[in-house]
């Protein structure tokens, strides 16, 4: 199993670098993974999107569709890409500690 190591911590990840165990996620994990997604600092806006994704995933077991993400967080799609340059699926979901989405976000 691949490992991601940063700041003296190691994480089990899949072949695309997504956290294998979403239950170990916390804000420090998000900060660690942000280094892989071109996010230099987690702002309140980043955290708002990340928390929405986590809460949705914990309730429904999947990531939301991008339209729902934008509607519920109040961010337009271009703003999501400004926050997460690699996009809502790769960047935002990865920082939220979710598995890689399939057909969602």
C-alpha atoms as a PDB file:
ATOM      1  CA  UNK A   1       0.000   0.000   0.000  1.00  0.00           C
ATOM      2  CA  UNK A   2       1.407   3.444  -0.892  1.00  0.00           C
ATOM      3  CA  UNK A   3       2.340   5.842   1.875  1.00  0.00           C
ATOM      4  CA  UNK A   4       2.295   9.636   1.965  1.00  0.00           C
ATOM      5  CA  UNK A   5       4.829  11.125   4.359  1.00  0.00           C
ATOM      6  CA  UNK A   6       4.967  14.774   5.397  1.00  0.00           C
ATOM      7  CA  UNK A   7       5.878  16.705   8.553  1.00  0.00           C
ATOM      8  CA  UNK A   8       7.018  13.514  10.272  1.00  0.00           C
ATOM      9  CA  UNK A   9       3.652  11.804   9.754  1.00  0.00           C
ATOM     10  CA  UNK A  10       2.787   8.898   7.466  1.00  0.00           C
ATOM     11  CA  UNK A  11      -0.573   8.127   5.890  1.00  0.00           C
ATOM     12  CA  UNK A  12      -1.827   5.061   4.026  1.00  0.00           C
ATOM     13  CA  UNK A  13      -3.106   6.313   0.663  1.00  0.00           C
ATOM     14  CA  UNK A  14      -4.500   4.750  -2.495  1.00  0.00           C
ATOM     15  CA  UNK A  15      -2.741   4.876  -5.865  1.00  0.00           C
ATOM     16  CA  UNK A  16      -4.110   8.402  -6.436  1.00  0.00           C
ATOM     17  CA  UNK A  17      -2.942   9.722  -3.065  1.00  0.00           C
ATOM     18  CA  UNK A  18      -6.322   9.694  -1.301  1.00  0.00           C
ATOM     19  CA  UNK A  19      -6.429   8.851   2.400  1.00  0.00           C
ATOM     20  CA  UNK A  20      -7.326   5.180   2.911  1.00  0.00           C
ATOM     21  CA  UNK A  21      -8.943   5.617   6.334  1.00  0.00           C
ATOM     22  CA  UNK A  22     -11.270   8.657   6.447  1.00  0.00           C
ATOM     23  CA  UNK A  23     -11.818   8.125  10.187  1.00  0.00           C
ATOM     24  CA  UNK A  24      -8.312   9.379  11.044  1.00  0.00           C
ATOM     25  CA  UNK A  25      -8.972  12.743   9.387  1.00  0.00           C
ATOM     26  CA  UNK A  26      -8.589  15.999  11.271  1.00  0.00           C
ATOM     27  CA  UNK A  27      -7.560  19.520  10.324  1.00  0.00           C
ATOM     28  CA  UNK A  28      -3.866  18.628  10.611  1.00  0.00           C
ATOM     29  CA  UNK A  29      -4.381  15.864   8.047  1.00  0.00           C
ATOM     30  CA  UNK A  30      -6.013  18.408   5.729  1.00  0.00           C
ATOM     31  CA  UNK A  31      -3.044  20.742   6.188  1.00  0.00           C
ATOM     32  CA  UNK A  32      -0.635  17.909   5.419  1.00  0.00           C
ATOM     33  CA  UNK A  33      -2.487  16.927   2.248  1.00  0.00           C
ATOM     34  CA  UNK A  34      -2.816  20.545   1.121  1.00  0.00           C
ATOM     35  CA  UNK A  35       0.875  20.447   0.193  1.00  0.00           C
ATOM     36  CA  UNK A  36       0.018  18.011  -2.617  1.00  0.00           C
ATOM     37  CA  UNK A  37      -2.788  20.120  -4.086  1.00  0.00           C
ATOM     38  CA  UNK A  38      -1.249  23.552  -4.531  1.00  0.00           C
ATOM     39  CA  UNK A  39      -2.941  25.004  -1.459  1.00  0.00           C
ATOM     40  CA  UNK A  40      -0.403  26.969   0.550  1.00  0.00           C
ATOM     41  CA  UNK A  41      -2.696  27.907   3.445  1.00  0.00           C
ATOM     42  CA  UNK A  42      -6.105  26.656   4.548  1.00  0.00           C
ATOM     43  CA  UNK A  43      -8.465  29.619   4.886  1.00  0.00           C
ATOM     44  CA  UNK A  44     -11.962  29.752   6.380  1.00  0.00           C
ATOM     45  CA  UNK A  45     -13.322  29.282   2.841  1.00  0.00           C
ATOM     46  CA  UNK A  46     -11.259  26.109   2.367  1.00  0.00           C
ATOM     47  CA  UNK A  47     -12.464  24.777   5.698  1.00  0.00           C
ATOM     48  CA  UNK A  48     -16.103  25.599   4.863  1.00  0.00           C
ATOM     49  CA  UNK A  49     -15.914  23.496   1.691  1.00  0.00           C
ATOM     50  CA  UNK A  50     -13.962  20.703   3.400  1.00  0.00           C
ATOM     51  CA  UNK A  51     -16.399  20.514   6.319  1.00  0.00           C
ATOM     52  CA  UNK A  52     -19.388  20.449   3.958  1.00  0.00           C
ATOM     53  CA  UNK A  53     -17.820  17.583   1.984  1.00  0.00           C
ATOM     54  CA  UNK A  54     -17.026  15.625   5.155  1.00  0.00           C
ATOM     55  CA  UNK A  55     -20.473  16.106   6.644  1.00  0.00           C
ATOM     56  CA  UNK A  56     -22.166  15.094   3.399  1.00  0.00           C
ATOM     57  CA  UNK A  57     -19.929  12.038   3.074  1.00  0.00           C
ATOM     58  CA  UNK A  58     -20.540  10.967   6.667  1.00  0.00           C
ATOM     59  CA  UNK A  59     -24.308  11.274   6.171  1.00  0.00           C
ATOM     60  CA  UNK A  60     -24.667   9.733   2.695  1.00  0.00           C
ATOM     61  CA  UNK A  61     -21.486   7.688   2.160  1.00  0.00           C
ATOM     62  CA  UNK A  62     -20.573   9.495  -1.078  1.00  0.00           C
ATOM     63  CA  UNK A  63     -19.320  12.901  -2.114  1.00  0.00           C
ATOM     64  CA  UNK A  64     -21.988  15.345  -3.319  1.00  0.00           C
ATOM     65  CA  UNK A  65     -22.435  16.348  -6.927  1.00  0.00           C
ATOM     66  CA  UNK A  66     -20.580  19.546  -7.737  1.00  0.00           C
ATOM     67  CA  UNK A  67     -23.820  21.461  -8.324  1.00  0.00           C
ATOM     68  CA  UNK A  68     -24.966  20.612  -4.787  1.00  0.00           C
ATOM     69  CA  UNK A  69     -21.552  21.537  -3.352  1.00  0.00           C
ATOM     70  CA  UNK A  70     -21.736  24.963  -4.972  1.00  0.00           C
ATOM     71  CA  UNK A  71     -25.357  25.567  -3.992  1.00  0.00           C
ATOM     72  CA  UNK A  72     -24.930  24.509  -0.365  1.00  0.00           C
ATOM     73  CA  UNK A  73     -21.648  26.340   0.260  1.00  0.00           C
ATOM     74  CA  UNK A  74     -22.519  29.465  -1.749  1.00  0.00           C
ATOM     75  CA  UNK A  75     -19.350  29.242  -3.850  1.00  0.00           C
ATOM     76  CA  UNK A  76     -19.425  29.352  -7.643  1.00  0.00           C
ATOM     77  CA  UNK A  77     -17.510  26.639  -9.461  1.00  0.00           C
ATOM     78  CA  UNK A  78     -14.726  29.032 -10.458  1.00  0.00           C
ATOM     79  CA  UNK A  79     -14.308  29.956  -6.772  1.00  0.00           C
ATOM     80  CA  UNK A  80     -13.989  26.265  -5.865  1.00  0.00           C
ATOM     81  CA  UNK A  81     -11.199  25.992  -8.457  1.00  0.00           C
ATOM     82  CA  UNK A  82      -9.521  29.096  -7.006  1.00  0.00           C
ATOM     83  CA  UNK A  83      -9.564  27.460  -3.576  1.00  0.00           C
ATOM     84  CA  UNK A  84      -8.628  23.991  -4.851  1.00  0.00           C
ATOM     85  CA  UNK A  85      -6.627  24.325  -8.098  1.00  0.00           C
ATOM     86  CA  UNK A  86      -6.906  20.608  -8.880  1.00  0.00           C
ATOM     87  CA  UNK A  87     -10.696  20.824  -8.584  1.00  0.00           C
ATOM     88  CA  UNK A  88     -13.475  19.708  -6.273  1.00  0.00           C
ATOM     89  CA  UNK A  89     -12.975  15.972  -6.791  1.00  0.00           C
ATOM     90  CA  UNK A  90      -9.219  15.698  -6.670  1.00  0.00           C
ATOM     91  CA  UNK A  91      -8.310  18.619  -4.433  1.00  0.00           C
ATOM     92  CA  UNK A  92     -11.226  19.315  -2.136  1.00  0.00           C
ATOM     93  CA  UNK A  93     -12.159  15.684  -1.528  1.00  0.00           C
ATOM     94  CA  UNK A  94      -8.540  14.735  -0.952  1.00  0.00           C
ATOM     95  CA  UNK A  95      -8.117  17.465   1.662  1.00  0.00           C
ATOM     96  CA  UNK A  96     -11.408  16.399   3.261  1.00  0.00           C
ATOM     97  CA  UNK A  97      -9.978  12.899   3.714  1.00  0.00           C
ATOM     98  CA  UNK A  98     -12.608  11.285   1.489  1.00  0.00           C
ATOM     99  CA  UNK A  99     -12.079   8.364  -0.863  1.00  0.00           C
ATOM    100  CA  UNK A 100     -11.626   9.299  -4.503  1.00  0.00           C
ATOM    101  CA  UNK A 101     -15.088  10.168  -5.853  1.00  0.00           C
ATOM    102  CA  UNK A 102     -16.521   8.227  -8.755  1.00  0.00           C
ATOM    103  CA  UNK A 103     -18.895  10.265 -10.854  1.00  0.00           C
ATOM    104  CA  UNK A 104     -19.514  12.798  -8.092  1.00  0.00           C
ATOM    105  CA  UNK A 105     -18.078  16.235  -7.399  1.00  0.00           C
END
